[in-house]
Amino acid sequence: MMVKICGITSREDAQAAVGAGASALGFNFFAKSPRFLTPEAAADIAAVVPASVLKVGVFVNEAQSKVADIARTAGLDLVQLHGGDAPDGLRLWRACRVNAEGVQGLENAAGAEAVLLDTAVPGMHGGTGQSFAWHLARIEGWKVVVAGGLDGDNVRDAIRAARPWGVDACSRLESAPGRKDHRKMTEFIHAALAEIV
């Protein structure tokens, strides 16, 4: 199970996530997010992250050239795009929103190695703490990462319902926006890794 902790803003949180067994860390480059990081700050954190842990840049409707520049400066392994086009040569996860009618925007995921499914909330691009009906994430032919409202109490239920390749959590693991609660984060990671798909 691939386990991503998103919204990392400090070396301490990154090291705690890695120590608990996280597979990937997300760095948010959306300026309106309370978890926003500059590329230089992300690079400073990435410097203490082992090569075995994916460093994922989160972008919202950003220009290709800027995505490429930030990925280079921050030392990212791949980019997770919420809208916008992927620069050539970068590994890509495409974020798609899920509502009562199902997964939206999957047609834009061509070329992505995985799709990240998050709850559709008007005016928001993730980090809402709201879940969707997890069975909707069972999509044939895709590596699926389930996000949205996950924590240590519900991630095993989400994995059983969705049978995803990975899971991603952010806001429910925080003591304040951008600050992770290490106990909640560890509980989430351990619960996810304990569930056999």
N, C-alpha and C. Protein backbone atom coordinates (compact mmCIF):
# COMPACT_ATOMS: atom_id res chain seq x y z
N MET A 1 0.85 -1.19 0.00
CA MET A 1 0.00 0.00 0.00
C MET A 1 0.89 1.25 0.00
N MET A 2 0.67 2.12 -0.99
CA MET A 2 1.37 3.39 -1.05
C MET A 2 0.64 4.35 -0.11
N VAL A 3 1.37 4.94 0.84
CA VAL A 3 0.77 5.85 1.82
C VAL A 3 1.42 7.22 1.70
N LYS A 4 0.62 8.21 1.32
CA LYS A 4 1.13 9.57 1.14
C LYS A 4 0.60 10.48 2.25
N ILE A 5 1.50 11.28 2.80
CA ILE A 5 1.11 12.32 3.75
C ILE A 5 1.27 13.65 3.01
N CYS A 6 0.19 14.37 2.88
CA CYS A 6 0.21 15.61 2.10
C CYS A 6 0.24 16.83 3.03
N GLY A 7 0.65 17.96 2.46
CA GLY A 7 0.68 19.19 3.22
C GLY A 7 1.82 19.27 4.21
N ILE A 8 2.95 18.65 3.87
CA ILE A 8 4.13 18.70 4.74
C ILE A 8 4.74 20.10 4.66
N THR A 9 5.02 20.71 5.82
CA THR A 9 5.57 22.07 5.83
C THR A 9 6.83 22.21 6.70
N SER A 10 7.29 21.10 7.31
CA SER A 10 8.48 21.21 8.16
C SER A 10 9.30 19.93 8.08
N ARG A 11 10.58 20.06 8.38
CA ARG A 11 11.46 18.90 8.44
C ARG A 11 10.98 17.91 9.50
N GLU A 12 10.53 18.44 10.64
CA GLU A 12 10.09 17.57 11.74
C GLU A 12 8.92 16.69 11.32
N ASP A 13 7.94 17.29 10.63
CA ASP A 13 6.79 16.51 10.17
C ASP A 13 7.21 15.50 9.11
N ALA A 14 8.11 15.90 8.22
CA ALA A 14 8.59 14.99 7.18
C ALA A 14 9.28 13.79 7.81
N GLN A 15 10.16 14.04 8.78
CA GLN A 15 10.90 12.95 9.41
C GLN A 15 9.99 12.03 10.20
N ALA A 16 8.97 12.60 10.84
CA ALA A 16 8.01 11.77 11.59
C ALA A 16 7.22 10.89 10.64
N ALA A 17 6.81 11.45 9.50
CA ALA A 17 6.05 10.66 8.52
C ALA A 17 6.90 9.53 7.96
N VAL A 18 8.14 9.84 7.61
CA VAL A 18 9.05 8.83 7.08
C VAL A 18 9.31 7.76 8.13
N GLY A 19 9.53 8.17 9.37
CA GLY A 19 9.79 7.22 10.44
C GLY A 19 8.63 6.28 10.70
N ALA A 20 7.41 6.76 10.45
CA ALA A 20 6.23 5.92 10.65
C ALA A 20 5.95 5.00 9.48
N GLY A 21 6.64 5.23 8.34
CA GLY A 21 6.48 4.33 7.20
C GLY A 21 5.82 4.91 5.97
N ALA A 22 5.71 6.24 5.88
CA ALA A 22 5.09 6.86 4.70
C ALA A 22 5.89 6.54 3.44
N SER A 23 5.17 6.35 2.33
CA SER A 23 5.78 6.07 1.03
C SER A 23 6.04 7.33 0.24
N ALA A 24 5.27 8.40 0.54
CA ALA A 24 5.33 9.64 -0.24
C ALA A 24 4.95 10.81 0.65
N LEU A 25 5.55 11.97 0.35
CA LEU A 25 5.22 13.22 1.04
C LEU A 25 4.78 14.24 0.01
N GLY A 26 3.72 14.98 0.34
CA GLY A 26 3.20 15.99 -0.57
C GLY A 26 3.56 17.39 -0.12
N PHE A 27 4.05 18.20 -1.08
CA PHE A 27 4.40 19.59 -0.84
C PHE A 27 3.47 20.46 -1.68
N ASN A 28 2.79 21.41 -1.03
CA ASN A 28 1.73 22.16 -1.68
C ASN A 28 2.25 23.50 -2.20
N PHE A 29 2.14 23.70 -3.51
CA PHE A 29 2.61 24.94 -4.14
C PHE A 29 1.45 25.82 -4.62
N PHE A 30 0.26 25.60 -4.06
CA PHE A 30 -0.91 26.42 -4.37
C PHE A 30 -0.93 27.60 -3.38
N ALA A 31 -0.76 28.80 -3.90
CA ALA A 31 -0.54 29.98 -3.03
C ALA A 31 -1.68 30.23 -2.05
N LYS A 32 -2.90 29.81 -2.37
CA LYS A 32 -4.04 30.08 -1.48
C LYS A 32 -4.19 29.02 -0.39
N SER A 33 -3.35 28.02 -0.38
CA SER A 33 -3.45 26.96 0.61
C SER A 33 -2.76 27.37 1.91
N PRO A 34 -3.34 26.99 3.07
CA PRO A 34 -2.64 27.24 4.34
C PRO A 34 -1.38 26.38 4.49
N ARG A 35 -1.20 25.43 3.57
CA ARG A 35 -0.03 24.54 3.59
C ARG A 35 0.98 24.91 2.50
N PHE A 36 0.82 26.10 1.93
CA PHE A 36 1.70 26.55 0.84
C PHE A 36 3.16 26.60 1.28
N LEU A 37 4.03 26.15 0.39
CA LEU A 37 5.48 26.23 0.58
C LEU A 37 6.12 26.91 -0.62
N THR A 38 7.20 27.61 -0.40
CA THR A 38 8.01 28.07 -1.52
C THR A 38 8.84 26.88 -2.01
N PRO A 39 9.28 26.91 -3.25
CA PRO A 39 10.13 25.82 -3.74
C PRO A 39 11.40 25.65 -2.90
N GLU A 40 11.96 26.76 -2.42
CA GLU A 40 13.17 26.70 -1.61
C GLU A 40 12.91 26.02 -0.27
N ALA A 41 11.77 26.32 0.35
CA ALA A 41 11.42 25.68 1.62
C ALA A 41 11.20 24.18 1.41
N ALA A 42 10.56 23.83 0.31
CA ALA A 42 10.34 22.41 0.01
C ALA A 42 11.67 21.70 -0.21
N ALA A 43 12.60 22.35 -0.90
CA ALA A 43 13.92 21.76 -1.14
C ALA A 43 14.65 21.51 0.17
N ASP A 44 14.50 22.43 1.11
CA ASP A 44 15.14 22.27 2.42
C ASP A 44 14.60 21.05 3.15
N ILE A 45 13.28 20.85 3.08
CA ILE A 45 12.68 19.67 3.71
C ILE A 45 13.07 18.42 2.94
N ALA A 46 13.01 18.47 1.62
CA ALA A 46 13.32 17.30 0.80
C ALA A 46 14.73 16.79 1.05
N ALA A 47 15.62 17.68 1.49
CA ALA A 47 17.01 17.29 1.73
C ALA A 47 17.15 16.23 2.83
N VAL A 48 16.15 16.13 3.71
CA VAL A 48 16.23 15.14 4.80
C VAL A 48 15.35 13.92 4.52
N VAL A 49 14.75 13.87 3.32
CA VAL A 49 13.86 12.76 2.96
C VAL A 49 14.65 11.71 2.18
N PRO A 50 14.58 10.44 2.60
CA PRO A 50 15.32 9.40 1.87
C PRO A 50 14.86 9.28 0.42
N ALA A 51 15.75 8.85 -0.44
CA ALA A 51 15.44 8.69 -1.87
C ALA A 51 14.30 7.70 -2.09
N SER A 52 14.11 6.78 -1.15
CA SER A 52 13.06 5.76 -1.29
C SER A 52 11.65 6.32 -1.08
N VAL A 53 11.54 7.54 -0.56
CA VAL A 53 10.24 8.17 -0.29
C VAL A 53 9.98 9.21 -1.38
N LEU A 54 8.83 9.09 -2.06
CA LEU A 54 8.49 10.00 -3.16
C LEU A 54 8.21 11.41 -2.65
N LYS A 55 8.77 12.39 -3.34
CA LYS A 55 8.51 13.79 -3.05
C LYS A 55 7.56 14.30 -4.15
N VAL A 56 6.34 14.62 -3.74
CA VAL A 56 5.26 14.93 -4.68
C VAL A 56 4.90 16.41 -4.57
N GLY A 57 4.93 17.12 -5.70
CA GLY A 57 4.52 18.52 -5.72
C GLY A 57 3.06 18.63 -6.11
N VAL A 58 2.28 19.38 -5.32
CA VAL A 58 0.84 19.56 -5.58
C VAL A 58 0.63 20.94 -6.21
N PHE A 59 -0.01 20.94 -7.39
CA PHE A 59 -0.20 22.17 -8.16
C PHE A 59 -1.67 22.30 -8.57
N VAL A 60 -2.17 23.55 -8.57
CA VAL A 60 -3.55 23.83 -8.97
C VAL A 60 -3.53 24.80 -10.14
N ASN A 61 -3.94 24.32 -11.32
CA ASN A 61 -4.07 25.17 -12.52
C ASN A 61 -2.84 26.04 -12.75
N GLU A 62 -1.67 25.43 -12.64
CA GLU A 62 -0.41 26.16 -12.77
C GLU A 62 0.14 26.01 -14.18
N ALA A 63 0.86 27.01 -14.65
CA ALA A 63 1.48 26.98 -15.98
C ALA A 63 2.55 25.89 -16.03
N GLN A 64 2.66 25.23 -17.18
CA GLN A 64 3.63 24.15 -17.35
C GLN A 64 5.05 24.59 -17.00
N SER A 65 5.43 25.77 -17.46
CA SER A 65 6.80 26.22 -17.23
C SER A 65 7.08 26.42 -15.75
N LYS A 66 6.08 26.92 -15.02
CA LYS A 66 6.26 27.14 -13.58
C LYS A 66 6.33 25.81 -12.84
N VAL A 67 5.49 24.85 -13.23
CA VAL A 67 5.54 23.52 -12.63
C VAL A 67 6.93 22.91 -12.82
N ALA A 68 7.45 23.01 -14.03
CA ALA A 68 8.77 22.45 -14.32
C ALA A 68 9.85 23.13 -13.50
N ASP A 69 9.79 24.45 -13.37
CA ASP A 69 10.80 25.19 -12.61
C ASP A 69 10.75 24.81 -11.13
N ILE A 70 9.55 24.75 -10.57
CA ILE A 70 9.41 24.40 -9.16
C ILE A 70 9.86 22.97 -8.91
N ALA A 71 9.49 22.05 -9.80
CA ALA A 71 9.89 20.65 -9.63
C ALA A 71 11.41 20.53 -9.59
N ARG A 72 12.07 21.30 -10.43
CA ARG A 72 13.54 21.27 -10.47
C ARG A 72 14.14 21.86 -9.19
N THR A 73 13.64 23.02 -8.78
CA THR A 73 14.17 23.71 -7.59
C THR A 73 13.93 22.90 -6.32
N ALA A 74 12.74 22.33 -6.21
CA ALA A 74 12.36 21.62 -4.98
C ALA A 74 12.87 20.18 -4.94
N GLY A 75 13.37 19.67 -6.07
CA GLY A 75 13.84 18.29 -6.10
C GLY A 75 12.72 17.27 -6.04
N LEU A 76 11.64 17.54 -6.77
CA LEU A 76 10.47 16.65 -6.74
C LEU A 76 10.70 15.39 -7.58
N ASP A 77 10.04 14.31 -7.16
CA ASP A 77 10.04 13.08 -7.94
C ASP A 77 8.90 13.04 -8.94
N LEU A 78 7.79 13.69 -8.59
CA LEU A 78 6.63 13.71 -9.49
C LEU A 78 5.73 14.86 -9.12
N VAL A 79 4.79 15.15 -10.02
CA VAL A 79 3.84 16.24 -9.79
C VAL A 79 2.42 15.69 -9.75
N GLN A 80 1.62 16.27 -8.87
CA GLN A 80 0.20 15.94 -8.74
C GLN A 80 -0.57 17.17 -9.18
N LEU A 81 -1.25 17.05 -10.31
CA LEU A 81 -1.90 18.22 -10.90
C LEU A 81 -3.41 18.21 -10.66
N HIS A 82 -3.89 19.34 -10.13
CA HIS A 82 -5.32 19.61 -10.00
C HIS A 82 -5.63 20.65 -11.07
N GLY A 83 -5.85 20.19 -12.30
CA GLY A 83 -6.02 21.09 -13.44
C GLY A 83 -4.66 21.45 -14.03
N GLY A 84 -4.70 21.99 -15.23
CA GLY A 84 -3.47 22.38 -15.91
C GLY A 84 -2.83 21.20 -16.63
N ASP A 85 -1.84 21.51 -17.44
CA ASP A 85 -1.16 20.49 -18.25
C ASP A 85 0.19 20.16 -17.65
N ALA A 86 0.60 18.91 -17.81
CA ALA A 86 1.88 18.45 -17.28
C ALA A 86 3.02 18.81 -18.21
N PRO A 87 4.13 19.29 -17.65
CA PRO A 87 5.31 19.51 -18.49
C PRO A 87 5.86 18.18 -18.99
N ASP A 88 6.50 18.20 -20.13
CA ASP A 88 7.12 16.99 -20.67
C ASP A 88 8.21 16.50 -19.72
N GLY A 89 8.32 15.19 -19.62
CA GLY A 89 9.42 14.60 -18.88
C GLY A 89 9.22 14.47 -17.39
N LEU A 90 8.07 14.89 -16.85
CA LEU A 90 7.81 14.76 -15.41
C LEU A 90 6.80 13.66 -15.14
N ARG A 91 7.09 12.86 -14.13
CA ARG A 91 6.11 11.86 -13.70
C ARG A 91 4.88 12.58 -13.16
N LEU A 92 3.70 12.01 -13.46
CA LEU A 92 2.44 12.72 -13.19
C LEU A 92 1.43 11.84 -12.48
N TRP A 93 0.82 12.41 -11.44
CA TRP A 93 -0.43 11.91 -10.89
C TRP A 93 -1.48 12.98 -11.20
N ARG A 94 -2.63 12.56 -11.70
CA ARG A 94 -3.70 13.49 -12.03
C ARG A 94 -4.78 13.42 -10.94
N ALA A 95 -5.12 14.57 -10.35
CA ALA A 95 -6.18 14.63 -9.35
C ALA A 95 -7.53 14.76 -10.05
N CYS A 96 -8.47 13.93 -9.62
CA CYS A 96 -9.84 13.97 -10.14
C CYS A 96 -10.78 14.09 -8.94
N ARG A 97 -11.88 14.80 -9.17
CA ARG A 97 -12.85 15.00 -8.09
C ARG A 97 -13.96 13.97 -8.18
N VAL A 98 -14.49 13.62 -7.02
CA VAL A 98 -15.56 12.61 -6.95
C VAL A 98 -16.77 13.25 -6.29
N ASN A 99 -17.93 13.11 -6.97
CA ASN A 99 -19.19 13.53 -6.37
C ASN A 99 -20.17 12.37 -6.44
N ALA A 100 -21.43 12.64 -6.15
CA ALA A 100 -22.43 11.57 -6.10
C ALA A 100 -22.59 10.86 -7.44
N GLU A 101 -22.23 11.54 -8.54
CA GLU A 101 -22.35 10.93 -9.87
C GLU A 101 -21.13 10.11 -10.26
N GLY A 102 -20.08 10.17 -9.46
CA GLY A 102 -18.88 9.38 -9.76
C GLY A 102 -17.64 10.24 -9.92
N VAL A 103 -16.65 9.68 -10.60
CA VAL A 103 -15.36 10.35 -10.79
C VAL A 103 -15.47 11.34 -11.95
N GLN A 104 -15.04 12.58 -11.70
CA GLN A 104 -15.08 13.63 -12.71
C GLN A 104 -13.67 13.92 -13.22
N GLY A 105 -13.52 14.09 -14.53
CA GLY A 105 -12.25 14.52 -15.10
C GLY A 105 -11.27 13.42 -15.43
N LEU A 106 -11.72 12.17 -15.39
CA LEU A 106 -10.81 11.06 -15.70
C LEU A 106 -10.31 11.14 -17.14
N GLU A 107 -11.08 11.78 -18.00
CA GLU A 107 -10.68 11.91 -19.41
C GLU A 107 -9.41 12.77 -19.56
N ASN A 108 -9.08 13.54 -18.53
CA ASN A 108 -7.89 14.39 -18.57
C ASN A 108 -6.65 13.71 -18.01
N ALA A 109 -6.77 12.43 -17.65
CA ALA A 109 -5.68 11.74 -16.94
C ALA A 109 -4.74 10.97 -17.87
N ALA A 110 -4.90 11.10 -19.17
CA ALA A 110 -4.01 10.38 -20.09
C ALA A 110 -2.56 10.73 -19.79
N GLY A 111 -1.72 9.71 -19.74
CA GLY A 111 -0.31 9.92 -19.48
C GLY A 111 0.07 9.91 -18.01
N ALA A 112 -0.91 9.87 -17.12
CA ALA A 112 -0.63 9.85 -15.68
C ALA A 112 -0.32 8.43 -15.23
N GLU A 113 0.60 8.30 -14.28
CA GLU A 113 0.87 6.96 -13.74
C GLU A 113 -0.14 6.57 -12.68
N ALA A 114 -0.86 7.56 -12.12
CA ALA A 114 -1.89 7.26 -11.13
C ALA A 114 -2.90 8.40 -11.14
N VAL A 115 -4.10 8.11 -10.64
CA VAL A 115 -5.10 9.16 -10.43
C VAL A 115 -5.38 9.25 -8.94
N LEU A 116 -5.40 10.47 -8.44
CA LEU A 116 -5.74 10.72 -7.05
C LEU A 116 -7.18 11.20 -7.00
N LEU A 117 -8.01 10.51 -6.26
CA LEU A 117 -9.43 10.83 -6.19
C LEU A 117 -9.73 11.52 -4.87
N ASP A 118 -10.31 12.71 -4.96
CA ASP A 118 -10.62 13.50 -3.77
C ASP A 118 -12.06 13.98 -3.86
N THR A 119 -12.62 14.32 -2.73
CA THR A 119 -14.01 14.74 -2.65
C THR A 119 -14.22 16.09 -3.33
N ALA A 120 -15.25 16.15 -4.17
CA ALA A 120 -15.58 17.41 -4.84
C ALA A 120 -16.26 18.34 -3.85
N VAL A 121 -15.60 19.46 -3.54
CA VAL A 121 -16.16 20.50 -2.68
C VAL A 121 -16.03 21.81 -3.44
N PRO A 122 -17.16 22.49 -3.73
CA PRO A 122 -17.09 23.72 -4.53
C PRO A 122 -16.08 24.72 -3.97
N GLY A 123 -15.22 25.23 -4.86
CA GLY A 123 -14.25 26.24 -4.48
C GLY A 123 -13.02 25.72 -3.76
N MET A 124 -12.93 24.40 -3.56
CA MET A 124 -11.79 23.82 -2.83
C MET A 124 -11.05 22.84 -3.74
N HIS A 125 -9.77 22.66 -3.45
CA HIS A 125 -8.93 21.75 -4.24
C HIS A 125 -8.23 20.75 -3.31
N GLY A 126 -8.99 20.14 -2.41
CA GLY A 126 -8.43 19.18 -1.46
C GLY A 126 -8.21 19.81 -0.10
N GLY A 127 -7.82 18.97 0.85
CA GLY A 127 -7.58 19.44 2.21
C GLY A 127 -8.84 19.83 2.95
N THR A 128 -10.00 19.28 2.53
CA THR A 128 -11.27 19.66 3.15
C THR A 128 -11.65 18.76 4.33
N GLY A 129 -11.04 17.58 4.42
CA GLY A 129 -11.42 16.64 5.47
C GLY A 129 -12.73 15.92 5.22
N GLN A 130 -13.26 16.03 3.99
CA GLN A 130 -14.53 15.38 3.67
C GLN A 130 -14.30 14.15 2.80
N SER A 131 -15.03 13.09 3.11
CA SER A 131 -14.91 11.83 2.38
C SER A 131 -15.96 11.73 1.28
N PHE A 132 -15.72 10.78 0.36
CA PHE A 132 -16.72 10.44 -0.65
C PHE A 132 -17.07 8.96 -0.49
N ALA A 133 -18.03 8.49 -1.28
CA ALA A 133 -18.41 7.07 -1.23
C ALA A 133 -17.28 6.26 -1.86
N TRP A 134 -16.51 5.58 -1.02
CA TRP A 134 -15.25 4.98 -1.46
C TRP A 134 -15.38 3.93 -2.55
N HIS A 135 -16.54 3.27 -2.63
CA HIS A 135 -16.69 2.25 -3.67
C HIS A 135 -16.59 2.87 -5.07
N LEU A 136 -16.83 4.19 -5.18
CA LEU A 136 -16.73 4.86 -6.48
C LEU A 136 -15.29 4.90 -6.99
N ALA A 137 -14.33 4.62 -6.11
CA ALA A 137 -12.91 4.66 -6.50
C ALA A 137 -12.46 3.37 -7.18
N ARG A 138 -13.32 2.39 -7.29
CA ARG A 138 -12.92 1.14 -7.97
C ARG A 138 -12.97 1.36 -9.47
N ILE A 139 -11.85 1.75 -10.04
CA ILE A 139 -11.77 2.06 -11.47
C ILE A 139 -10.80 1.08 -12.10
N GLU A 140 -11.25 0.38 -13.10
CA GLU A 140 -10.39 -0.59 -13.79
C GLU A 140 -9.32 0.12 -14.61
N GLY A 141 -8.13 -0.45 -14.61
CA GLY A 141 -7.08 0.03 -15.48
C GLY A 141 -6.27 1.21 -14.96
N TRP A 142 -6.52 1.61 -13.72
CA TRP A 142 -5.79 2.75 -13.14
C TRP A 142 -5.20 2.39 -11.79
N LYS A 143 -4.02 2.96 -11.50
CA LYS A 143 -3.54 3.00 -10.13
C LYS A 143 -4.31 4.14 -9.46
N VAL A 144 -5.05 3.82 -8.41
CA VAL A 144 -5.91 4.81 -7.76
C VAL A 144 -5.37 5.13 -6.37
N VAL A 145 -5.29 6.42 -6.07
CA VAL A 145 -4.95 6.90 -4.73
C VAL A 145 -6.21 7.55 -4.17
N VAL A 146 -6.69 7.05 -3.05
CA VAL A 146 -7.89 7.60 -2.42
C VAL A 146 -7.49 8.67 -1.41
N ALA A 147 -8.10 9.85 -1.53
CA ALA A 147 -7.87 10.96 -0.60
C ALA A 147 -9.23 11.49 -0.15
N GLY A 148 -9.19 12.40 0.81
CA GLY A 148 -10.43 13.04 1.25
C GLY A 148 -10.96 12.47 2.55
N GLY A 149 -10.72 13.17 3.63
CA GLY A 149 -11.31 12.80 4.91
C GLY A 149 -10.79 11.53 5.55
N LEU A 150 -9.58 11.13 5.20
CA LEU A 150 -9.04 9.90 5.77
C LEU A 150 -8.23 10.18 7.04
N ASP A 151 -8.31 9.23 7.98
CA ASP A 151 -7.50 9.26 9.19
C ASP A 151 -7.35 7.83 9.69
N GLY A 152 -6.74 7.68 10.85
CA GLY A 152 -6.50 6.35 11.38
C GLY A 152 -7.76 5.57 11.70
N ASP A 153 -8.88 6.27 11.91
CA ASP A 153 -10.13 5.59 12.27
C ASP A 153 -10.87 5.01 11.07
N ASN A 154 -10.68 5.60 9.87
CA ASN A 154 -11.50 5.15 8.74
C ASN A 154 -10.70 4.62 7.55
N VAL A 155 -9.36 4.71 7.59
CA VAL A 155 -8.60 4.35 6.39
C VAL A 155 -8.74 2.87 6.05
N ARG A 156 -8.87 2.02 7.04
CA ARG A 156 -9.01 0.59 6.73
C ARG A 156 -10.35 0.33 6.03
N ASP A 157 -11.41 1.02 6.46
CA ASP A 157 -12.71 0.89 5.79
C ASP A 157 -12.61 1.39 4.34
N ALA A 158 -11.89 2.49 4.14
CA ALA A 158 -11.73 3.03 2.79
C ALA A 158 -10.98 2.05 1.90
N ILE A 159 -9.95 1.44 2.43
CA ILE A 159 -9.17 0.48 1.64
C ILE A 159 -10.01 -0.74 1.28
N ARG A 160 -10.80 -1.22 2.23
CA ARG A 160 -11.66 -2.38 1.94
C ARG A 160 -12.70 -2.06 0.87
N ALA A 161 -13.24 -0.84 0.92
CA ALA A 161 -14.30 -0.46 -0.04
C ALA A 161 -13.74 -0.14 -1.42
N ALA A 162 -12.60 0.56 -1.46
CA ALA A 162 -12.07 1.06 -2.73
C ALA A 162 -11.03 0.14 -3.36
N ARG A 163 -10.32 -0.64 -2.54
CA ARG A 163 -9.22 -1.49 -2.99
C ARG A 163 -8.23 -0.70 -3.85
N PRO A 164 -7.72 0.42 -3.30
CA PRO A 164 -6.85 1.30 -4.09
C PRO A 164 -5.40 0.84 -4.10
N TRP A 165 -4.62 1.48 -4.94
CA TRP A 165 -3.17 1.31 -4.95
C TRP A 165 -2.55 2.07 -3.78
N GLY A 166 -3.17 3.22 -3.43
CA GLY A 166 -2.62 4.03 -2.36
C GLY A 166 -3.68 4.87 -1.67
N VAL A 167 -3.27 5.49 -0.55
CA VAL A 167 -4.14 6.39 0.20
C VAL A 167 -3.34 7.66 0.53
N ASP A 168 -4.07 8.75 0.75
CA ASP A 168 -3.45 10.06 0.96
C ASP A 168 -4.26 10.78 2.04
N ALA A 169 -3.57 11.38 3.01
CA ALA A 169 -4.28 12.14 4.04
C ALA A 169 -3.54 13.42 4.34
N CYS A 170 -4.32 14.39 4.85
CA CYS A 170 -3.73 15.70 5.15
C CYS A 170 -4.42 16.32 6.36
N SER A 171 -5.56 16.95 6.13
CA SER A 171 -6.14 17.83 7.15
C SER A 171 -6.56 17.11 8.44
N ARG A 172 -7.00 15.88 8.35
CA ARG A 172 -7.42 15.17 9.57
C ARG A 172 -6.25 14.69 10.41
N LEU A 173 -5.04 14.89 9.90
CA LEU A 173 -3.85 14.48 10.65
C LEU A 173 -3.14 15.69 11.26
N GLU A 174 -3.82 16.83 11.32
CA GLU A 174 -3.17 18.06 11.76
C GLU A 174 -3.64 18.52 13.14
N SER A 175 -2.73 19.22 13.82
CA SER A 175 -3.08 19.92 15.06
C SER A 175 -3.50 21.36 14.73
N ALA A 176 -3.03 21.87 13.59
CA ALA A 176 -3.41 23.17 13.03
C ALA A 176 -3.07 23.11 11.54
N PRO A 177 -3.67 23.95 10.70
CA PRO A 177 -3.37 23.88 9.27
C PRO A 177 -1.87 23.97 9.01
N GLY A 178 -1.34 22.95 8.34
CA GLY A 178 0.08 22.92 8.02
C GLY A 178 0.96 22.32 9.10
N ARG A 179 0.39 21.93 10.25
CA ARG A 179 1.17 21.34 11.34
C ARG A 179 0.60 19.95 11.65
N LYS A 180 1.41 18.94 11.45
CA LYS A 180 0.92 17.57 11.65
C LYS A 180 0.94 17.18 13.12
N ASP A 181 -0.09 16.42 13.51
CA ASP A 181 -0.14 15.77 14.81
C ASP A 181 0.55 14.42 14.61
N HIS A 182 1.72 14.24 15.19
CA HIS A 182 2.52 13.04 14.90
C HIS A 182 1.83 11.76 15.33
N ARG A 183 1.06 11.82 16.41
CA ARG A 183 0.34 10.61 16.84
C ARG A 183 -0.72 10.23 15.81
N LYS A 184 -1.52 11.21 15.37
CA LYS A 184 -2.56 10.92 14.37
C LYS A 184 -1.94 10.43 13.06
N MET A 185 -0.83 11.05 12.68
CA MET A 185 -0.16 10.67 11.43
C MET A 185 0.34 9.23 11.51
N THR A 186 0.95 8.88 12.63
CA THR A 186 1.47 7.53 12.81
C THR A 186 0.34 6.51 12.82
N GLU A 187 -0.74 6.82 13.50
CA GLU A 187 -1.89 5.91 13.55
C GLU A 187 -2.45 5.67 12.15
N PHE A 188 -2.54 6.73 11.35
CA PHE A 188 -3.04 6.61 9.99
C PHE A 188 -2.14 5.71 9.15
N ILE A 189 -0.84 5.97 9.18
CA ILE A 189 0.10 5.19 8.38
C ILE A 189 0.08 3.73 8.79
N HIS A 190 0.13 3.47 10.08
CA HIS A 190 0.15 2.08 10.55
C HIS A 190 -1.14 1.34 10.21
N ALA A 191 -2.29 2.03 10.34
CA ALA A 191 -3.57 1.40 9.98
C ALA A 191 -3.62 1.07 8.50
N ALA A 192 -3.14 2.00 7.66
CA ALA A 192 -3.16 1.76 6.21
C ALA A 192 -2.25 0.60 5.83
N LEU A 193 -1.07 0.56 6.43
CA LEU A 193 -0.12 -0.49 6.08
C LEU A 193 -0.54 -1.85 6.61
N ALA A 194 -1.39 -1.85 7.63
CA ALA A 194 -1.84 -3.12 8.21
C ALA A 194 -2.95 -3.78 7.41
N GLU A 195 -3.59 -3.01 6.54
CA GLU A 195 -4.73 -3.55 5.77
C GLU A 195 -4.22 -4.25 4.52
N ILE A 196 -4.60 -5.49 4.36
CA ILE A 196 -4.18 -6.29 3.19
C ILE A 196 -5.24 -6.15 2.11
N VAL A 197 -4.81 -5.74 0.93
CA VAL A 197 -5.76 -5.59 -0.20
C VAL A 197 -5.79 -6.86 -1.02
